[in-house]
Structure formats: C-alpha cells, structure tokens
C-alpha atoms as a PDB file:
ATOM      1  CA  UNK A   1    -173.486 -13.971-103.272  1.00  0.00           C
ATOM      2  CA  UNK A   2    -176.530 -13.122-101.167  1.00  0.00           C
ATOM      3  CA  UNK A   3    -175.747 -10.656 -98.401  1.00  0.00           C
ATOM      4  CA  UNK A   4    -176.666 -11.606 -94.837  1.00  0.00           C
ATOM      5  CA  UNK A   5    -179.356  -9.304 -93.423  1.00  0.00           C
ATOM      6  CA  UNK A   6    -178.255  -8.254 -89.950  1.00  0.00           C
ATOM      7  CA  UNK A   7    -179.339  -6.148 -86.989  1.00  0.00           C
ATOM      8  CA  UNK A   8    -177.822  -5.169 -83.656  1.00  0.00           C
ATOM      9  CA  UNK A   9    -179.892  -5.316 -80.474  1.00  0.00           C
ATOM     10  CA  UNK A  10    -178.463  -2.860 -77.965  1.00  0.00           C
ATOM     11  CA  UNK A  11    -176.401  -0.008 -79.420  1.00  0.00           C
ATOM     12  CA  UNK A  12    -174.855   1.451 -76.296  1.00  0.00           C
ATOM     13  CA  UNK A  13    -171.113   1.876 -75.798  1.00  0.00           C
ATOM     14  CA  UNK A  14    -170.099  -1.449 -77.373  1.00  0.00           C
ATOM     15  CA  UNK A  15    -173.161  -2.272 -79.451  1.00  0.00           C
ATOM     16  CA  UNK A  16    -172.708   0.704 -81.739  1.00  0.00           C
ATOM     17  CA  UNK A  17    -169.288  -0.703 -82.689  1.00  0.00           C
ATOM     18  CA  UNK A  18    -170.997  -3.952 -83.696  1.00  0.00           C
ATOM     19  CA  UNK A  19    -173.347  -1.938 -85.902  1.00  0.00           C
ATOM     20  CA  UNK A  20    -170.463  -0.071 -87.534  1.00  0.00           C
ATOM     21  CA  UNK A  21    -168.679  -3.331 -88.379  1.00  0.00           C
ATOM     22  CA  UNK A  22    -171.751  -4.844 -90.027  1.00  0.00           C
ATOM     23  CA  UNK A  23    -172.308  -1.637 -91.979  1.00  0.00           C
ATOM     24  CA  UNK A  24    -168.777  -1.842 -93.377  1.00  0.00           C
ATOM     25  CA  UNK A  25    -168.859  -5.548 -94.227  1.00  0.00           C
ATOM     26  CA  UNK A  26    -169.429  -6.442 -97.891  1.00  0.00           C
ATOM     27  CA  UNK A  27    -171.001  -9.822 -97.031  1.00  0.00           C
ATOM     28  CA  UNK A  28    -173.585  -8.272 -94.700  1.00  0.00           C
ATOM     29  CA  UNK A  29    -176.377  -5.734 -94.922  1.00  0.00           C
ATOM     30  CA  UNK A  30    -177.173  -3.867 -91.716  1.00  0.00           C
ATOM     31  CA  UNK A  31    -180.963  -3.550 -91.741  1.00  0.00           C
ATOM     32  CA  UNK A  32    -181.726  -2.043 -88.334  1.00  0.00           C
ATOM     33  CA  UNK A  33    -180.399  -1.077 -84.928  1.00  0.00           C
ATOM     34  CA  UNK A  34    -182.484  -1.749 -81.837  1.00  0.00           C
ATOM     35  CA  UNK A  35    -182.446   0.003 -78.478  1.00  0.00           C
ATOM     36  CA  UNK A  36    -185.057   0.853 -75.858  1.00  0.00           C
ATOM     37  CA  UNK A  37    -183.390   4.264 -75.601  1.00  0.00           C
ATOM     38  CA  UNK A  38    -185.117   5.938 -78.563  1.00  0.00           C
ATOM     39  CA  UNK A  39    -182.650   8.808 -78.839  1.00  0.00           C
ATOM     40  CA  UNK A  40    -179.699   6.437 -78.923  1.00  0.00           C
ATOM     41  CA  UNK A  41    -181.313   4.148 -81.498  1.00  0.00           C
ATOM     42  CA  UNK A  42    -182.208   7.106 -83.711  1.00  0.00           C
ATOM     43  CA  UNK A  43    -178.727   8.601 -83.454  1.00  0.00           C
ATOM     44  CA  UNK A  44    -176.895   5.391 -84.422  1.00  0.00           C
ATOM     45  CA  UNK A  45    -179.453   4.600 -87.130  1.00  0.00           C
ATOM     46  CA  UNK A  46    -179.007   8.056 -88.658  1.00  0.00           C
ATOM     47  CA  UNK A  47    -175.207   7.750 -88.604  1.00  0.00           C
ATOM     48  CA  UNK A  48    -175.350   4.393 -90.411  1.00  0.00           C
ATOM     49  CA  UNK A  49    -178.333   5.034 -92.673  1.00  0.00           C
ATOM     50  CA  UNK A  50    -180.546   2.264 -91.309  1.00  0.00           C
ATOM     51  CA  UNK A  51    -183.888   1.943 -89.531  1.00  0.00           C
ATOM     52  CA  UNK A  52    -184.153   2.575 -85.781  1.00  0.00           C
ATOM     53  CA  UNK A  53    -186.225   0.033 -83.846  1.00  0.00           C
ATOM     54  CA  UNK A  54    -187.187   0.376 -80.183  1.00  0.00           C
ATOM     55  CA  UNK A  55    -188.439  -3.134 -79.387  1.00  0.00           C
ATOM     56  CA  UNK A  56    -186.459  -6.207 -80.467  1.00  0.00           C
ATOM     57  CA  UNK A  57    -189.595  -8.276 -81.045  1.00  0.00           C
ATOM     58  CA  UNK A  58    -190.349  -6.115 -84.095  1.00  0.00           C
ATOM     59  CA  UNK A  59    -187.505  -7.759 -86.035  1.00  0.00           C
ATOM     60  CA  UNK A  60    -188.066 -11.369 -84.975  1.00  0.00           C
ATOM     61  CA  UNK A  61    -187.993 -13.415 -88.181  1.00  0.00           C
ATOM     62  CA  UNK A  62    -187.183 -10.339 -90.301  1.00  0.00           C
ATOM     63  CA  UNK A  63    -183.377 -10.587 -90.521  1.00  0.00           C
ATOM     64  CA  UNK A  64    -180.961 -13.465 -90.966  1.00  0.00           C
ATOM     65  CA  UNK A  65    -178.628 -12.775 -88.052  1.00  0.00           C
ATOM     66  CA  UNK A  66    -178.291 -10.509 -85.030  1.00  0.00           C
ATOM     67  CA  UNK A  67    -175.703  -9.282 -82.568  1.00  0.00           C
ATOM     68  CA  UNK A  68    -177.093  -9.104 -79.038  1.00  0.00           C
ATOM     69  CA  UNK A  69    -175.300  -6.486 -76.952  1.00  0.00           C
ATOM     70  CA  UNK A  70    -177.660  -5.983 -74.018  1.00  0.00           C
ATOM     71  CA  UNK A  71    -177.061  -6.376 -70.257  1.00  0.00           C
ATOM     72  CA  UNK A  72    -176.077  -9.927 -69.292  1.00  0.00           C
ATOM     73  CA  UNK A  73    -179.345 -10.534 -67.419  1.00  0.00           C
ATOM     74  CA  UNK A  74    -181.198 -10.155 -70.750  1.00  0.00           C
ATOM     75  CA  UNK A  75    -178.945 -12.386 -72.887  1.00  0.00           C
ATOM     76  CA  UNK A  76    -181.059 -15.496 -72.379  1.00  0.00           C
ATOM     77  CA  UNK A  77    -184.423 -13.880 -73.083  1.00  0.00           C
ATOM     78  CA  UNK A  78    -183.324 -12.049 -76.225  1.00  0.00           C
ATOM     79  CA  UNK A  79    -181.115 -14.798 -77.677  1.00  0.00           C
ATOM     80  CA  UNK A  80    -183.808 -17.412 -77.100  1.00  0.00           C
ATOM     81  CA  UNK A  81    -186.401 -15.342 -78.947  1.00  0.00           C
ATOM     82  CA  UNK A  82    -184.226 -14.978 -82.054  1.00  0.00           C
ATOM     83  CA  UNK A  83    -183.116 -18.626 -82.060  1.00  0.00           C
ATOM     84  CA  UNK A  84    -186.760 -19.723 -81.811  1.00  0.00           C
ATOM     85  CA  UNK A  85    -187.490 -17.589 -84.882  1.00  0.00           C
ATOM     86  CA  UNK A  86    -184.722 -19.204 -86.923  1.00  0.00           C
ATOM     87  CA  UNK A  87    -182.185 -16.399 -86.716  1.00  0.00           C
ATOM     88  CA  UNK A  88    -178.442 -16.804 -86.189  1.00  0.00           C
ATOM     89  CA  UNK A  89    -177.085 -15.187 -83.027  1.00  0.00           C
ATOM     90  CA  UNK A  90    -173.853 -13.542 -81.918  1.00  0.00           C
ATOM     91  CA  UNK A  91    -174.347 -12.772 -78.230  1.00  0.00           C
ATOM     92  CA  UNK A  92    -171.837 -10.842 -76.178  1.00  0.00           C
ATOM     93  CA  UNK A  93    -169.982 -12.669 -73.418  1.00  0.00           C
ATOM     94  CA  UNK A  94    -170.864 -14.243 -71.090  1.00  0.00           C
ATOM     95  CA  UNK A  95    -173.399 -16.350 -72.961  1.00  0.00           C
ATOM     96  CA  UNK A  96    -175.711 -16.038 -69.912  1.00  0.00           C
ATOM     97  CA  UNK A  97    -175.156 -16.006 -66.160  1.00  0.00           C
ATOM     98  CA  UNK A  98    -176.843 -19.390 -65.691  1.00  0.00           C
ATOM     99  CA  UNK A  99    -175.718 -22.806 -66.959  1.00  0.00           C
ATOM    100  CA  UNK A 100    -179.220 -24.164 -67.541  1.00  0.00           C
ATOM    101  CA  UNK A 101    -180.049 -21.145 -69.680  1.00  0.00           C
ATOM    102  CA  UNK A 102    -176.800 -21.563 -71.613  1.00  0.00           C
ATOM    103  CA  UNK A 103    -177.657 -25.217 -72.256  1.00  0.00           C
ATOM    104  CA  UNK A 104    -181.097 -24.248 -73.553  1.00  0.00           C
ATOM    105  CA  UNK A 105    -179.642 -21.716 -76.010  1.00  0.00           C
ATOM    106  CA  UNK A 106    -177.062 -24.237 -77.232  1.00  0.00           C
ATOM    107  CA  UNK A 107    -179.805 -26.828 -77.678  1.00  0.00           C
ATOM    108  CA  UNK A 108    -182.035 -24.412 -79.603  1.00  0.00           C
ATOM    109  CA  UNK A 109    -179.212 -23.507 -81.977  1.00  0.00           C
ATOM    110  CA  UNK A 110    -178.350 -27.155 -82.549  1.00  0.00           C
ATOM    111  CA  UNK A 111    -181.963 -28.240 -83.115  1.00  0.00           C
ATOM    112  CA  UNK A 112    -182.598 -25.446 -85.617  1.00  0.00           C
ATOM    113  CA  UNK A 113    -179.274 -25.687 -87.445  1.00  0.00           C
ATOM    114  CA  UNK A 114    -178.293 -22.159 -86.434  1.00  0.00           C
ATOM    115  CA  UNK A 115    -174.991 -20.471 -85.665  1.00  0.00           C
ATOM    116  CA  UNK A 116    -174.587 -19.446 -82.030  1.00  0.00           C
ATOM    117  CA  UNK A 117    -171.374 -17.526 -81.494  1.00  0.00           C
ATOM    118  CA  UNK A 118    -170.341 -15.779 -78.267  1.00  0.00           C
ATOM    119  CA  UNK A 119    -168.377 -12.536 -78.153  1.00  0.00           C
ATOM    120  CA  UNK A 120    -165.145 -13.565 -76.466  1.00  0.00           C
ATOM    121  CA  UNK A 121    -163.364 -10.990 -78.617  1.00  0.00           C
ATOM    122  CA  UNK A 122    -159.866 -11.662 -77.211  1.00  0.00           C
ATOM    123  CA  UNK A 123    -159.839 -14.937 -79.165  1.00  0.00           C
ATOM    124  CA  UNK A 124    -159.662 -12.744 -82.272  1.00  0.00           C
ATOM    125  CA  UNK A 125    -156.789 -10.563 -81.075  1.00  0.00           C
ATOM    126  CA  UNK A 126    -153.728 -10.617 -83.305  1.00  0.00           C
ATOM    127  CA  UNK A 127    -151.448 -11.923 -80.572  1.00  0.00           C
ATOM    128  CA  UNK A 128    -153.818 -14.758 -79.581  1.00  0.00           C
ATOM    129  CA  UNK A 129    -154.085 -15.830 -83.203  1.00  0.00           C
ATOM    130  CA  UNK A 130    -150.313 -15.400 -83.534  1.00  0.00           C
ATOM    131  CA  UNK A 131    -149.445 -17.900 -80.788  1.00  0.00           C
ATOM    132  CA  UNK A 132    -151.677 -20.590 -82.269  1.00  0.00           C
ATOM    133  CA  UNK A 133    -149.545 -23.712 -82.663  1.00  0.00           C
ATOM    134  CA  UNK A 134    -146.760 -22.384 -80.421  1.00  0.00           C
ATOM    135  CA  UNK A 135    -148.411 -23.252 -77.118  1.00  0.00           C
ATOM    136  CA  UNK A 136    -148.196 -26.995 -76.490  1.00  0.00           C
ATOM    137  CA  UNK A 137    -149.308 -28.674 -73.268  1.00  0.00           C
ATOM    138  CA  UNK A 138    -148.797 -25.768 -70.843  1.00  0.00           C
ATOM    139  CA  UNK A 139    -148.003 -26.712 -67.250  1.00  0.00           C
ATOM    140  CA  UNK A 140    -148.455 -23.309 -65.586  1.00  0.00           C
ATOM    141  CA  UNK A 141    -150.222 -20.115 -66.692  1.00  0.00           C
ATOM    142  CA  UNK A 142    -150.276 -16.796 -64.911  1.00  0.00           C
ATOM    143  CA  UNK A 143    -152.344 -13.878 -66.130  1.00  0.00           C
ATOM    144  CA  UNK A 144    -153.264 -10.371 -65.051  1.00  0.00           C
ATOM    145  CA  UNK A 145    -156.120  -8.379 -66.529  1.00  0.00           C
ATOM    146  CA  UNK A 146    -156.283  -4.973 -64.857  1.00  0.00           C
ATOM    147  CA  UNK A 147    -158.397  -1.975 -65.844  1.00  0.00           C
ATOM    148  CA  UNK A 148    -159.764   1.263 -64.397  1.00  0.00           C
ATOM    149  CA  UNK A 149    -163.420   1.186 -63.428  1.00  0.00           C
ATOM    150  CA  UNK A 150    -165.492   1.543 -66.629  1.00  0.00           C
ATOM    151  CA  UNK A 151    -167.262   4.868 -67.094  1.00  0.00           C
ATOM    152  CA  UNK A 152    -170.364   2.994 -68.245  1.00  0.00           C
ATOM    153  CA  UNK A 153    -170.548   1.088 -64.949  1.00  0.00           C
ATOM    154  CA  UNK A 154    -170.905  -2.662 -64.603  1.00  0.00           C
ATOM    155  CA  UNK A 155    -173.947  -4.925 -64.313  1.00  0.00           C
ATOM    156  CA  UNK A 156    -171.935  -8.035 -63.373  1.00  0.00           C
ATOM    157  CA  UNK A 157    -168.966  -8.837 -61.140  1.00  0.00           C
ATOM    158  CA  UNK A 158    -165.361  -8.720 -62.351  1.00  0.00           C
ATOM    159  CA  UNK A 159    -165.315 -12.502 -62.865  1.00  0.00           C
ATOM    160  CA  UNK A 160    -167.974 -12.430 -65.597  1.00  0.00           C
ATOM    161  CA  UNK A 161    -166.930  -8.971 -66.765  1.00  0.00           C
ATOM    162  CA  UNK A 162    -163.145  -9.305 -67.223  1.00  0.00           C
ATOM    163  CA  UNK A 163    -161.752 -12.569 -65.848  1.00  0.00           C
ATOM    164  CA  UNK A 164    -163.899 -14.646 -68.192  1.00  0.00           C
ATOM    165  CA  UNK A 165    -161.793 -13.428 -71.147  1.00  0.00           C
ATOM    166  CA  UNK A 166    -158.743 -15.164 -69.697  1.00  0.00           C
ATOM    167  CA  UNK A 167    -160.747 -18.162 -68.482  1.00  0.00           C
ATOM    168  CA  UNK A 168    -161.919 -18.757 -72.064  1.00  0.00           C
ATOM    169  CA  UNK A 169    -158.423 -18.422 -73.523  1.00  0.00           C
ATOM    170  CA  UNK A 170    -156.882 -20.678 -70.879  1.00  0.00           C
ATOM    171  CA  UNK A 171    -159.517 -23.384 -71.346  1.00  0.00           C
ATOM    172  CA  UNK A 172    -158.852 -23.283 -75.084  1.00  0.00           C
ATOM    173  CA  UNK A 173    -155.075 -23.554 -74.570  1.00  0.00           C
ATOM    174  CA  UNK A 174    -155.149 -26.237 -71.870  1.00  0.00           C
ATOM    175  CA  UNK A 175    -157.836 -28.468 -73.365  1.00  0.00           C
ATOM    176  CA  UNK A 176    -158.689 -30.201 -70.082  1.00  0.00           C
ATOM    177  CA  UNK A 177    -161.521 -29.850 -67.543  1.00  0.00           C
ATOM    178  CA  UNK A 178    -161.207 -27.901 -64.309  1.00  0.00           C
ATOM    179  CA  UNK A 179    -160.928 -30.114 -61.229  1.00  0.00           C
ATOM    180  CA  UNK A 180    -160.191 -27.661 -58.406  1.00  0.00           C
ATOM    181  CA  UNK A 181    -160.574 -23.946 -57.708  1.00  0.00           C
ATOM    182  CA  UNK A 182    -159.361 -21.662 -54.921  1.00  0.00           C
ATOM    183  CA  UNK A 183    -160.328 -17.992 -55.087  1.00  0.00           C
ATOM    184  CA  UNK A 184    -160.365 -14.723 -53.191  1.00  0.00           C
ATOM    185  CA  UNK A 185    -162.004 -11.442 -54.099  1.00  0.00           C
ATOM    186  CA  UNK A 186    -163.625  -8.318 -52.687  1.00  0.00           C
ATOM    187  CA  UNK A 187    -165.989  -5.510 -53.689  1.00  0.00           C
ATOM    188  CA  UNK A 188    -164.364  -2.070 -53.795  1.00  0.00           C
ATOM    189  CA  UNK A 189    -166.467   0.402 -55.783  1.00  0.00           C
ATOM    190  CA  UNK A 190    -169.629  -1.658 -56.249  1.00  0.00           C
ATOM    191  CA  UNK A 191    -171.573  -4.170 -54.166  1.00  0.00           C
ATOM    192  CA  UNK A 192    -170.138  -6.961 -56.353  1.00  0.00           C
ATOM    193  CA  UNK A 193    -166.610  -8.355 -56.495  1.00  0.00           C
ATOM    194  CA  UNK A 194    -164.360  -5.828 -58.265  1.00  0.00           C
ATOM    195  CA  UNK A 195    -160.992  -7.534 -57.839  1.00  0.00           C
ATOM    196  CA  UNK A 196    -160.384 -11.278 -57.671  1.00  0.00           C
ATOM    197  CA  UNK A 197    -157.703 -13.911 -57.884  1.00  0.00           C
ATOM    198  CA  UNK A 198    -158.280 -17.564 -58.709  1.00  0.00           C
ATOM    199  CA  UNK A 199    -155.978 -20.569 -58.700  1.00  0.00           C
ATOM    200  CA  UNK A 200    -157.338 -23.237 -61.011  1.00  0.00           C
ATOM    201  CA  UNK A 201    -156.113 -26.818 -61.378  1.00  0.00           C
ATOM    202  CA  UNK A 202    -156.905 -28.863 -64.465  1.00  0.00           C
ATOM    203  CA  UNK A 203    -157.298 -32.603 -64.919  1.00  0.00           C
ATOM    204  CA  UNK A 204    -154.029 -32.810 -66.887  1.00  0.00           C
ATOM    205  CA  UNK A 205    -152.070 -31.191 -64.029  1.00  0.00           C
ATOM    206  CA  UNK A 206    -151.809 -27.666 -65.455  1.00  0.00           C
ATOM    207  CA  UNK A 207    -152.218 -24.830 -62.946  1.00  0.00           C
ATOM    208  CA  UNK A 208    -153.519 -21.354 -63.800  1.00  0.00           C
ATOM    209  CA  UNK A 209    -153.251 -18.318 -61.544  1.00  0.00           C
ATOM    210  CA  UNK A 210    -155.697 -15.653 -62.753  1.00  0.00           C
ATOM    211  CA  UNK A 211    -156.073 -12.091 -61.462  1.00  0.00           C
ATOM    212  CA  UNK A 212    -158.685  -9.618 -62.674  1.00  0.00           C
ATOM    213  CA  UNK A 213    -159.346  -6.096 -61.444  1.00  0.00           C
ATOM    214  CA  UNK A 214    -161.539  -3.255 -62.627  1.00  0.00           C
ATOM    215  CA  UNK A 215    -160.285  -0.879 -59.916  1.00  0.00           C
ATOM    216  CA  UNK A 216    -156.745  -0.421 -61.159  1.00  0.00           C
ATOM    217  CA  UNK A 217    -154.952   2.811 -62.054  1.00  0.00           C
ATOM    218  CA  UNK A 218    -153.657   1.260 -65.289  1.00  0.00           C
ATOM    219  CA  UNK A 219    -154.541  -1.136 -68.063  1.00  0.00           C
ATOM    220  CA  UNK A 220    -152.678  -4.426 -68.170  1.00  0.00           C
ATOM    221  CA  UNK A 221    -153.496  -7.622 -70.059  1.00  0.00           C
ATOM    222  CA  UNK A 222    -150.651 -10.067 -69.765  1.00  0.00           C
ATOM    223  CA  UNK A 223    -150.419 -13.832 -69.781  1.00  0.00           C
ATOM    224  CA  UNK A 224    -147.326 -15.886 -68.997  1.00  0.00           C
ATOM    225  CA  UNK A 225    -147.330 -19.461 -70.231  1.00  0.00           C
ATOM    226  CA  UNK A 226    -144.857 -22.119 -69.096  1.00  0.00           C
ATOM    227  CA  UNK A 227    -144.488 -25.401 -70.935  1.00  0.00           C
ATOM    228  CA  UNK A 228    -141.760 -28.009 -71.302  1.00  0.00           C
ATOM    229  CA  UNK A 229    -138.603 -26.288 -72.598  1.00  0.00           C
ATOM    230  CA  UNK A 230    -140.338 -22.955 -73.307  1.00  0.00           C
ATOM    231  CA  UNK A 231    -141.811 -19.825 -71.744  1.00  0.00           C
ATOM    232  CA  UNK A 232    -144.101 -17.307 -73.440  1.00  0.00           C
ATOM    233  CA  UNK A 233    -144.864 -13.801 -72.184  1.00  0.00           C
ATOM    234  CA  UNK A 234    -147.958 -12.565 -74.021  1.00  0.00           C
ATOM    235  CA  UNK A 235    -149.003  -8.890 -73.942  1.00  0.00           C
ATOM    236  CA  UNK A 236    -152.544  -8.452 -75.246  1.00  0.00           C
ATOM    237  CA  UNK A 237    -152.365  -4.655 -75.039  1.00  0.00           C
ATOM    238  CA  UNK A 238    -149.176  -4.297 -77.079  1.00  0.00           C
ATOM    239  CA  UNK A 239    -149.840  -7.310 -79.320  1.00  0.00           C
ATOM    240  CA  UNK A 240    -146.459  -8.799 -78.597  1.00  0.00           C
ATOM    241  CA  UNK A 241    -145.033 -12.069 -77.353  1.00  0.00           C
ATOM    242  CA  UNK A 242    -141.610 -13.015 -76.026  1.00  0.00           C
ATOM    243  CA  UNK A 243    -140.756 -16.683 -76.504  1.00  0.00           C
ATOM    244  CA  UNK A 244    -137.836 -18.111 -74.555  1.00  0.00           C
ATOM    245  CA  UNK A 245    -136.967 -21.711 -75.196  1.00  0.00           C
ATOM    246  CA  UNK A 246    -134.397 -24.430 -75.616  1.00  0.00           C
ATOM    247  CA  UNK A 247    -134.115 -25.523 -79.261  1.00  0.00           C
ATOM    248  CA  UNK A 248    -132.692 -28.882 -78.287  1.00  0.00           C
ATOM    249  CA  UNK A 249    -133.572 -30.074 -74.782  1.00  0.00           C
ATOM    250  CA  UNK A 250    -131.010 -32.892 -75.015  1.00  0.00           C
ATOM    251  CA  UNK A 251    -128.140 -30.416 -75.270  1.00  0.00           C
ATOM    252  CA  UNK A 252    -129.339 -27.879 -72.677  1.00  0.00           C
ATOM    253  CA  UNK A 253    -126.206 -26.324 -71.185  1.00  0.00           C
ATOM    254  CA  UNK A 254    -127.574 -23.627 -68.899  1.00  0.00           C
ATOM    255  CA  UNK A 255    -128.936 -20.123 -69.464  1.00  0.00           C
ATOM    256  CA  UNK A 256    -126.650 -19.452 -72.408  1.00  0.00           C
ATOM    257  CA  UNK A 257    -128.434 -22.052 -74.519  1.00  0.00           C
ATOM    258  CA  UNK A 258    -131.861 -20.436 -74.127  1.00  0.00           C
ATOM    259  CA  UNK A 259    -132.999 -18.666 -77.297  1.00  0.00           C
ATOM    260  CA  UNK A 260    -135.257 -15.616 -77.060  1.00  0.00           C
ATOM    261  CA  UNK A 261    -137.598 -14.608 -79.870  1.00  0.00           C
ATOM    262  CA  UNK A 262    -139.620 -11.386 -79.663  1.00  0.00           C
ATOM    263  CA  UNK A 263    -142.566 -10.938 -82.018  1.00  0.00           C
ATOM    264  CA  UNK A 264    -145.026  -8.096 -82.599  1.00  0.00           C
ATOM    265  CA  UNK A 265    -148.309  -8.400 -84.410  1.00  0.00           C
ATOM    266  CA  UNK A 266    -150.346  -5.844 -86.307  1.00  0.00           C
ATOM    267  CA  UNK A 267    -153.535  -5.607 -84.284  1.00  0.00           C
ATOM    268  CA  UNK A 268    -155.967  -4.532 -86.960  1.00  0.00           C
ATOM    269  CA  UNK A 269    -159.545  -4.739 -85.712  1.00  0.00           C
ATOM    270  CA  UNK A 270    -160.369  -7.764 -83.559  1.00  0.00           C
ATOM    271  CA  UNK A 271    -164.082  -6.912 -83.341  1.00  0.00           C
ATOM    272  CA  UNK A 272    -164.258  -6.690 -87.130  1.00  0.00           C
ATOM    273  CA  UNK A 273    -162.554 -10.104 -87.325  1.00  0.00           C
ATOM    274  CA  UNK A 274    -165.056 -11.519 -84.836  1.00  0.00           C
ATOM    275  CA  UNK A 275    -168.071 -10.238 -86.773  1.00  0.00           C
ATOM    276  CA  UNK A 276    -166.607 -11.238 -90.134  1.00  0.00           C
ATOM    277  CA  UNK A 277    -166.063 -14.758 -88.747  1.00  0.00           C
ATOM    278  CA  UNK A 278    -169.667 -14.843 -87.510  1.00  0.00           C
ATOM    279  CA  UNK A 279    -171.032 -13.810 -90.905  1.00  0.00           C
ATOM    280  CA  UNK A 280    -168.746 -16.380 -92.533  1.00  0.00           C
ATOM    281  CA  UNK A 281    -170.045 -19.142 -90.264  1.00  0.00           C
ATOM    282  CA  UNK A 282    -173.630 -18.131 -91.043  1.00  0.00           C
ATOM    283  CA  UNK A 283    -172.888 -18.116 -94.775  1.00  0.00           C
ATOM    284  CA  UNK A 284    -171.103 -21.455 -95.108  1.00  0.00           C
ATOM    285  CA  UNK A 285    -172.363 -23.319 -92.031  1.00  0.00           C
ATOM    286  CA  UNK A 286    -168.888 -23.782 -90.554  1.00  0.00           C
ATOM    287  CA  UNK A 287    -168.464 -23.953 -86.756  1.00  0.00           C
ATOM    288  CA  UNK A 288    -167.796 -20.556 -85.142  1.00  0.00           C
ATOM    289  CA  UNK A 289    -164.386 -19.987 -83.550  1.00  0.00           C
ATOM    290  CA  UNK A 290    -166.090 -19.381 -80.197  1.00  0.00           C
ATOM    291  CA  UNK A 291    -169.164 -21.592 -80.009  1.00  0.00           C
ATOM    292  CA  UNK A 292    -171.917 -21.689 -77.436  1.00  0.00           C
ATOM    293  CA  UNK A 293    -170.297 -24.822 -76.009  1.00  0.00           C
ATOM    294  CA  UNK A 294    -166.956 -22.986 -75.631  1.00  0.00           C
ATOM    295  CA  UNK A 295    -168.619 -20.126 -73.783  1.00  0.00           C
ATOM    296  CA  UNK A 296    -170.603 -22.538 -71.640  1.00  0.00           C
ATOM    297  CA  UNK A 297    -167.331 -24.114 -70.452  1.00  0.00           C
ATOM    298  CA  UNK A 298    -165.935 -20.675 -69.613  1.00  0.00           C
ATOM    299  CA  UNK A 299    -169.142 -19.794 -67.761  1.00  0.00           C
ATOM    300  CA  UNK A 300    -169.014 -23.035 -65.769  1.00  0.00           C
ATOM    301  CA  UNK A 301    -165.442 -22.308 -64.647  1.00  0.00           C
ATOM    302  CA  UNK A 302    -166.345 -18.694 -63.835  1.00  0.00           C
ATOM    303  CA  UNK A 303    -169.296 -19.807 -61.716  1.00  0.00           C
ATOM    304  CA  UNK A 304    -167.040 -22.278 -59.893  1.00  0.00           C
ATOM    305  CA  UNK A 305    -164.763 -19.352 -59.031  1.00  0.00           C
ATOM    306  CA  UNK A 306    -167.716 -17.224 -57.951  1.00  0.00           C
ATOM    307  CA  UNK A 307    -169.063 -20.069 -55.795  1.00  0.00           C
ATOM    308  CA  UNK A 308    -165.658 -20.433 -54.164  1.00  0.00           C
ATOM    309  CA  UNK A 309    -165.669 -16.719 -53.341  1.00  0.00           C
ATOM    310  CA  UNK A 310    -169.168 -16.873 -51.892  1.00  0.00           C
ATOM    311  CA  UNK A 311    -168.266 -19.797 -49.643  1.00  0.00           C
ATOM    312  CA  UNK A 312    -165.034 -18.202 -48.379  1.00  0.00           C
ATOM    313  CA  UNK A 313    -165.359 -16.099 -45.213  1.00  0.00           C
ATOM    314  CA  UNK A 314    -164.268 -12.477 -45.504  1.00  0.00           C
ATOM    315  CA  UNK A 315    -161.841 -11.079 -42.906  1.00  0.00           C
ATOM    316  CA  UNK A 316    -164.653  -9.203 -41.128  1.00  0.00           C
ATOM    317  CA  UNK A 317    -166.679 -12.409 -40.929  1.00  0.00           C
ATOM    318  CA  UNK A 318    -163.707 -14.292 -39.492  1.00  0.00           C
ATOM    319  CA  UNK A 319    -163.145 -11.550 -36.871  1.00  0.00           C
ATOM    320  CA  UNK A 320    -166.816 -11.637 -35.925  1.00  0.00           C
ATOM    321  CA  UNK A 321    -166.740 -15.413 -35.503  1.00  0.00           C
ATOM    322  CA  UNK A 322    -163.751 -15.165 -33.144  1.00  0.00           C
ATOM    323  CA  UNK A 323    -165.575 -12.627 -30.996  1.00  0.00           C
ATOM    324  CA  UNK A 324    -168.788 -14.629 -30.877  1.00  0.00           C
END
C-alpha cells in the first residue's frame, strides 16, 4: 500500500507531537517539518530524520497531507493554501476564529474531494469512545474543564482554547442545534477571558452547564450526563465513567433499585488515534470522525457564548452606570 506523504506545519509544543506520531505510523511517511523558528524546525527535523523547512509555501503541492499546528489566527491562511493545492488537511482546533472562513475551508475541501479534519482530540479519548452508545437523549449535562495557566501562553480566550473541547463533545452527544445561551466570564491573567461559564439550551430541551478555566490550581476534566433512568459521571483525566441507572424503569422501587457500574479504560494515545484516523480517511476516502462541519458547529456555539459575554455588562460597568 502506498504510504501517505505528510508534513507538519508548526512544530512548537504540540506540533512536535504531531510530527512524532506521523514518524511512527506505518501508513505514513513524514517528509518534512515546517516552522518559522529555524532552530526549532532544525531540532525536530534532526530528531526525526526529516527535512526542516522554514516557509510552508515551499511544500505546497509536494506532500499528500499536512497537520497545521500554528496559532489560531493563521489557521485559515495556511489551511486554505494547502486545500487549494490539493492537499488533505488536519488543522488544530478551532478550525478558525471566523465562521465565514470556516465555511470557505469546508467548501474548498468539498469541491476538491479532500479530507478536512479538525483536531478536537478529546473525541479520540478512550473514555469518550467508551461511552459511545451508552448516552441516549441526554436532558442535562454539566461539565468542568479546569487547568493551570499554560506555560506556553495563550493566543485565544478560554472559550476557544478549552471550552470548545466540551462544546464539541456535547453537540455530538445531544444532536440538536443551540437555541439559547447565557454566559459569564472574566479575564484574570490575560486581557482575554480566562474563566467562563455558559448555560446552553438546545432545541430538543437539553440543557448544558459548561465551565472552563485556565487559571485553576488543578487539572479537572469532568462531565456529568443525565438522561432518562440513568446518570453518567465521566472523568476524562482518569479515563473512567460511573454509570448509575435503573435496569427496569417500570419496577423502580427507590434508591435500592439503582445499579452502579464503574468502568476504567486504557487511555493509550489519543493523539496517535486522531492522526491514524486522519491518515485512514485520506487513504480510503471515508468521512473523518471530526469533520470541518462538526468543528464549524462547535465554533458557532463558542462564538455565541463569546458574543453573550461581550454584550453582558461587567460589575465595574454596572457600578459606573449607577453613578452616572
């Protein structure tokens, strides 16, 4: 079988992991790593035995597929260039920070028969894959994604940085459009929102309460899912789920009839699964697990939350208006 020629554009903190996964994948051949930081490109290229490139335009049309792991503001420009040159694209999340740009990338991929996958890596976590088929018509979801401030800094707010992981998962689980959003959030360490909470209502009646923080003292990634006759507590850090439910709703006789099932999953390597799935989609033409359309829906919901934050007065603004 012909190996897929690949490259990674942007080999900083996360991009170098992309490069390592391609290098270890039998179905792919890592041809080059690209970074405007020459020293970084040369270092990663030397470690993996490939060619360092310092300008992404040098490999346009010269590989079959690329991972794009550059700052969010550059996603559109770089992804568009490769799609226009007939190359398959895995772009890190969010797909872009603009819906019109996302639509253009999706259209380019569709018109040229190309795979466009977006790096919502939590979809490939063992516990997310493990609850597939267990979640049915959720009525309420609560999730908390907390993390210390990243040493590498942040070029986007916490909504597009962290919360969008849970937005994507929830949209996939609920399967209905968003109809209403209420949100609060504040900047703490940056001039962008660093901690936020959103309450989202869906067309089918499901409610999601989502909290994301990158100014926490601990890591936490938990989601609690309530559905008819069952409750799931999902821990993305520990790859475990507790399922409490009533086997037979007709014979429910109080708390004693609730059965509890605890399951743990072997995490493995979710990024490797994501990249292997991308290469598989490129090879056989199957739809990617996280398509451009999926990521566009997550981006739309995230921007609704951001818009709600921007239109909500902050306490200082409210105090000022009372004094005016």
